[in-house]
């Protein structure tokens, strides 16, 4: 089975942030502050574009076991990918309280920009998903 390519410690978080646009830098810095505060974890780069907080060993239904981040984010062109859970659809009630438009994938929640959502509700969601992730790893 192929090894996962997205691994921690590939580059420094500061170097990644410096390469972003001004708006992305602002949102990324705010998310780092929020996620660090909620989780008590330091930010670590996972691969070349994901800032993660905490680690877990996740076992897929197939039996594949990988090391992954507990929560994190990635600023993308036109959106922010929030890596909060491997089962995003389970958190729709909490997502509906964010106040902004969002989309969900299997393990990501996509928002356009940080100012579109209610920060206190985002903090609550991060805390809930971070605590729930402890059951996975």
C-alpha atoms as a PDB file:
ATOM      1  CA  UNK A   1       0.000   0.000   0.000  1.00  0.00           C
ATOM      2  CA  UNK A   2       1.293   3.462  -0.882  1.00  0.00           C
ATOM      3  CA  UNK A   3       2.600   5.649   1.913  1.00  0.00           C
ATOM      4  CA  UNK A   4       0.801   8.927   2.652  1.00  0.00           C
ATOM      5  CA  UNK A   5       2.610  11.915   1.124  1.00  0.00           C
ATOM      6  CA  UNK A   6       1.333  14.601   3.493  1.00  0.00           C
ATOM      7  CA  UNK A   7       3.659  14.422   6.483  1.00  0.00           C
ATOM      8  CA  UNK A   8       4.475  16.828   9.305  1.00  0.00           C
ATOM      9  CA  UNK A   9       7.528  19.047   9.465  1.00  0.00           C
ATOM     10  CA  UNK A  10       8.154  19.506   5.753  1.00  0.00           C
ATOM     11  CA  UNK A  11       8.711  23.256   6.116  1.00  0.00           C
ATOM     12  CA  UNK A  12       8.347  26.065   8.647  1.00  0.00           C
ATOM     13  CA  UNK A  13       4.895  27.557   9.213  1.00  0.00           C
ATOM     14  CA  UNK A  14       6.349  31.092   9.067  1.00  0.00           C
ATOM     15  CA  UNK A  15       7.892  30.446   5.646  1.00  0.00           C
ATOM     16  CA  UNK A  16       4.552  29.183   4.335  1.00  0.00           C
ATOM     17  CA  UNK A  17       2.608  32.175   5.709  1.00  0.00           C
ATOM     18  CA  UNK A  18       5.068  34.660   4.135  1.00  0.00           C
ATOM     19  CA  UNK A  19       4.245  33.300   0.666  1.00  0.00           C
ATOM     20  CA  UNK A  20       0.505  33.969   0.978  1.00  0.00           C
ATOM     21  CA  UNK A  21      -1.420  37.041  -0.215  1.00  0.00           C
ATOM     22  CA  UNK A  22      -2.117  39.757   2.384  1.00  0.00           C
ATOM     23  CA  UNK A  23      -5.716  38.577   2.961  1.00  0.00           C
ATOM     24  CA  UNK A  24      -4.613  34.950   3.221  1.00  0.00           C
ATOM     25  CA  UNK A  25      -1.827  35.935   5.639  1.00  0.00           C
ATOM     26  CA  UNK A  26      -4.337  37.710   7.869  1.00  0.00           C
ATOM     27  CA  UNK A  27      -6.791  34.785   7.892  1.00  0.00           C
ATOM     28  CA  UNK A  28      -4.002  32.236   8.359  1.00  0.00           C
ATOM     29  CA  UNK A  29      -2.511  34.173  11.278  1.00  0.00           C
ATOM     30  CA  UNK A  30      -5.947  34.491  12.898  1.00  0.00           C
ATOM     31  CA  UNK A  31      -6.625  30.771  12.422  1.00  0.00           C
ATOM     32  CA  UNK A  32      -3.246  29.914  13.932  1.00  0.00           C
ATOM     33  CA  UNK A  33      -4.108  32.019  16.992  1.00  0.00           C
ATOM     34  CA  UNK A  34      -7.579  30.497  17.288  1.00  0.00           C
ATOM     35  CA  UNK A  35      -6.505  26.876  16.784  1.00  0.00           C
ATOM     36  CA  UNK A  36      -3.479  27.229  19.074  1.00  0.00           C
ATOM     37  CA  UNK A  37      -5.673  28.749  21.771  1.00  0.00           C
ATOM     38  CA  UNK A  38      -8.419  26.111  21.483  1.00  0.00           C
ATOM     39  CA  UNK A  39      -6.145  23.062  21.182  1.00  0.00           C
ATOM     40  CA  UNK A  40      -3.126  24.104  23.235  1.00  0.00           C
ATOM     41  CA  UNK A  41      -1.001  22.776  20.343  1.00  0.00           C
ATOM     42  CA  UNK A  42       1.711  24.493  18.313  1.00  0.00           C
ATOM     43  CA  UNK A  43       1.189  24.797  14.539  1.00  0.00           C
ATOM     44  CA  UNK A  44       3.094  22.364  12.332  1.00  0.00           C
ATOM     45  CA  UNK A  45       3.216  22.250   8.542  1.00  0.00           C
ATOM     46  CA  UNK A  46       1.833  19.069   7.020  1.00  0.00           C
ATOM     47  CA  UNK A  47       3.124  18.765   3.496  1.00  0.00           C
ATOM     48  CA  UNK A  48       3.523  22.087   1.745  1.00  0.00           C
ATOM     49  CA  UNK A  49       0.103  23.664   2.313  1.00  0.00           C
ATOM     50  CA  UNK A  50      -1.628  22.435   5.494  1.00  0.00           C
ATOM     51  CA  UNK A  51      -1.113  23.945   8.952  1.00  0.00           C
ATOM     52  CA  UNK A  52      -1.999  21.326  11.542  1.00  0.00           C
ATOM     53  CA  UNK A  53      -2.459  21.105  15.296  1.00  0.00           C
ATOM     54  CA  UNK A  54      -1.968  17.827  17.148  1.00  0.00           C
ATOM     55  CA  UNK A  55      -1.533  14.341  15.745  1.00  0.00           C
ATOM     56  CA  UNK A  56      -3.466  11.115  15.686  1.00  0.00           C
ATOM     57  CA  UNK A  57      -3.188   7.704  14.124  1.00  0.00           C
ATOM     58  CA  UNK A  58      -6.241   7.251  11.936  1.00  0.00           C
ATOM     59  CA  UNK A  59      -7.341   3.820  10.797  1.00  0.00           C
ATOM     60  CA  UNK A  60      -9.470   3.674   7.670  1.00  0.00           C
ATOM     61  CA  UNK A  61     -12.186   1.044   7.232  1.00  0.00           C
ATOM     62  CA  UNK A  62      -9.817  -0.646   4.766  1.00  0.00           C
ATOM     63  CA  UNK A  63      -7.360  -1.218   7.617  1.00  0.00           C
ATOM     64  CA  UNK A  64      -4.892   1.414   6.398  1.00  0.00           C
ATOM     65  CA  UNK A  65      -3.335   3.261   9.342  1.00  0.00           C
ATOM     66  CA  UNK A  66      -1.934   6.778   8.845  1.00  0.00           C
ATOM     67  CA  UNK A  67      -0.628   9.584  11.025  1.00  0.00           C
ATOM     68  CA  UNK A  68      -2.753  12.704  10.530  1.00  0.00           C
ATOM     69  CA  UNK A  69      -3.441  16.069  12.124  1.00  0.00           C
ATOM     70  CA  UNK A  70      -6.236  16.481  14.691  1.00  0.00           C
ATOM     71  CA  UNK A  71      -7.341  19.862  13.278  1.00  0.00           C
ATOM     72  CA  UNK A  72      -5.854  22.258  10.774  1.00  0.00           C
ATOM     73  CA  UNK A  73      -6.412  24.454   7.751  1.00  0.00           C
ATOM     74  CA  UNK A  74      -5.108  25.281   4.329  1.00  0.00           C
ATOM     75  CA  UNK A  75      -5.568  28.642   2.618  1.00  0.00           C
ATOM     76  CA  UNK A  76      -6.502  27.906  -0.987  1.00  0.00           C
ATOM     77  CA  UNK A  77      -7.309  30.212  -3.869  1.00  0.00           C
ATOM     78  CA  UNK A  78     -10.738  31.670  -3.099  1.00  0.00           C
ATOM     79  CA  UNK A  79     -11.397  29.537  -0.006  1.00  0.00           C
ATOM     80  CA  UNK A  80     -10.039  28.116   3.213  1.00  0.00           C
ATOM     81  CA  UNK A  81     -10.073  24.374   3.763  1.00  0.00           C
ATOM     82  CA  UNK A  82     -10.686  23.561   7.417  1.00  0.00           C
ATOM     83  CA  UNK A  83      -9.462  20.098   8.377  1.00  0.00           C
ATOM     84  CA  UNK A  84     -11.585  19.531  11.447  1.00  0.00           C
ATOM     85  CA  UNK A  85     -12.887  16.011  11.076  1.00  0.00           C
ATOM     86  CA  UNK A  86     -12.910  12.930   8.903  1.00  0.00           C
ATOM     87  CA  UNK A  87     -16.727  12.899   9.070  1.00  0.00           C
ATOM     88  CA  UNK A  88     -17.730  16.511   8.305  1.00  0.00           C
ATOM     89  CA  UNK A  89     -21.363  15.635   7.628  1.00  0.00           C
ATOM     90  CA  UNK A  90     -21.789  14.709  11.322  1.00  0.00           C
ATOM     91  CA  UNK A  91     -21.299  18.362  12.273  1.00  0.00           C
ATOM     92  CA  UNK A  92     -23.942  20.020  10.065  1.00  0.00           C
ATOM     93  CA  UNK A  93     -25.896  21.427  13.071  1.00  0.00           C
ATOM     94  CA  UNK A  94     -22.732  23.142  14.330  1.00  0.00           C
ATOM     95  CA  UNK A  95     -21.802  24.278  10.830  1.00  0.00           C
ATOM     96  CA  UNK A  96     -25.193  25.870  10.349  1.00  0.00           C
ATOM     97  CA  UNK A  97     -24.416  28.085  13.362  1.00  0.00           C
ATOM     98  CA  UNK A  98     -21.214  29.489  11.811  1.00  0.00           C
ATOM     99  CA  UNK A  99     -23.195  32.217  10.097  1.00  0.00           C
ATOM    100  CA  UNK A 100     -21.536  32.019   6.709  1.00  0.00           C
ATOM    101  CA  UNK A 101     -21.773  29.886   3.629  1.00  0.00           C
ATOM    102  CA  UNK A 102     -19.808  26.668   3.767  1.00  0.00           C
ATOM    103  CA  UNK A 103     -19.362  23.467   1.811  1.00  0.00           C
ATOM    104  CA  UNK A 104     -18.340  20.123   3.156  1.00  0.00           C
ATOM    105  CA  UNK A 105     -16.254  17.343   1.741  1.00  0.00           C
ATOM    106  CA  UNK A 106     -15.556  14.002   3.347  1.00  0.00           C
ATOM    107  CA  UNK A 107     -13.027  15.445   5.782  1.00  0.00           C
ATOM    108  CA  UNK A 108     -12.969  19.173   5.041  1.00  0.00           C
ATOM    109  CA  UNK A 109     -15.136  22.176   5.590  1.00  0.00           C
ATOM    110  CA  UNK A 110     -14.695  24.970   3.079  1.00  0.00           C
ATOM    111  CA  UNK A 111     -15.325  28.638   3.842  1.00  0.00           C
ATOM    112  CA  UNK A 112     -14.551  31.632   1.648  1.00  0.00           C
ATOM    113  CA  UNK A 113     -12.835  33.758   4.287  1.00  0.00           C
ATOM    114  CA  UNK A 114     -12.608  33.900   8.051  1.00  0.00           C
ATOM    115  CA  UNK A 115     -14.670  37.085   8.384  1.00  0.00           C
ATOM    116  CA  UNK A 116     -17.644  35.238   6.861  1.00  0.00           C
ATOM    117  CA  UNK A 117     -18.120  33.099   9.980  1.00  0.00           C
ATOM    118  CA  UNK A 118     -18.876  33.701  13.658  1.00  0.00           C
ATOM    119  CA  UNK A 119     -15.535  33.320  15.475  1.00  0.00           C
ATOM    120  CA  UNK A 120     -17.067  32.101  18.746  1.00  0.00           C
ATOM    121  CA  UNK A 121     -19.035  29.390  16.900  1.00  0.00           C
ATOM    122  CA  UNK A 122     -15.900  28.448  14.957  1.00  0.00           C
ATOM    123  CA  UNK A 123     -13.997  28.102  18.242  1.00  0.00           C
ATOM    124  CA  UNK A 124     -16.755  25.854  19.597  1.00  0.00           C
ATOM    125  CA  UNK A 125     -16.652  23.714  16.446  1.00  0.00           C
ATOM    126  CA  UNK A 126     -12.859  23.405  16.574  1.00  0.00           C
ATOM    127  CA  UNK A 127     -13.009  22.406  20.244  1.00  0.00           C
ATOM    128  CA  UNK A 128     -15.725  19.807  19.609  1.00  0.00           C
ATOM    129  CA  UNK A 129     -13.981  18.241  16.614  1.00  0.00           C
ATOM    130  CA  UNK A 130     -10.586  18.313  18.353  1.00  0.00           C
ATOM    131  CA  UNK A 131     -12.053  16.572  21.412  1.00  0.00           C
ATOM    132  CA  UNK A 132     -13.903  14.077  19.195  1.00  0.00           C
ATOM    133  CA  UNK A 133     -10.676  13.310  17.310  1.00  0.00           C
ATOM    134  CA  UNK A 134      -9.161  11.958  20.540  1.00  0.00           C
ATOM    135  CA  UNK A 135     -11.512   8.994  20.152  1.00  0.00           C
ATOM    136  CA  UNK A 136      -9.935   8.210  16.770  1.00  0.00           C
ATOM    137  CA  UNK A 137      -6.327   8.158  17.817  1.00  0.00           C
END
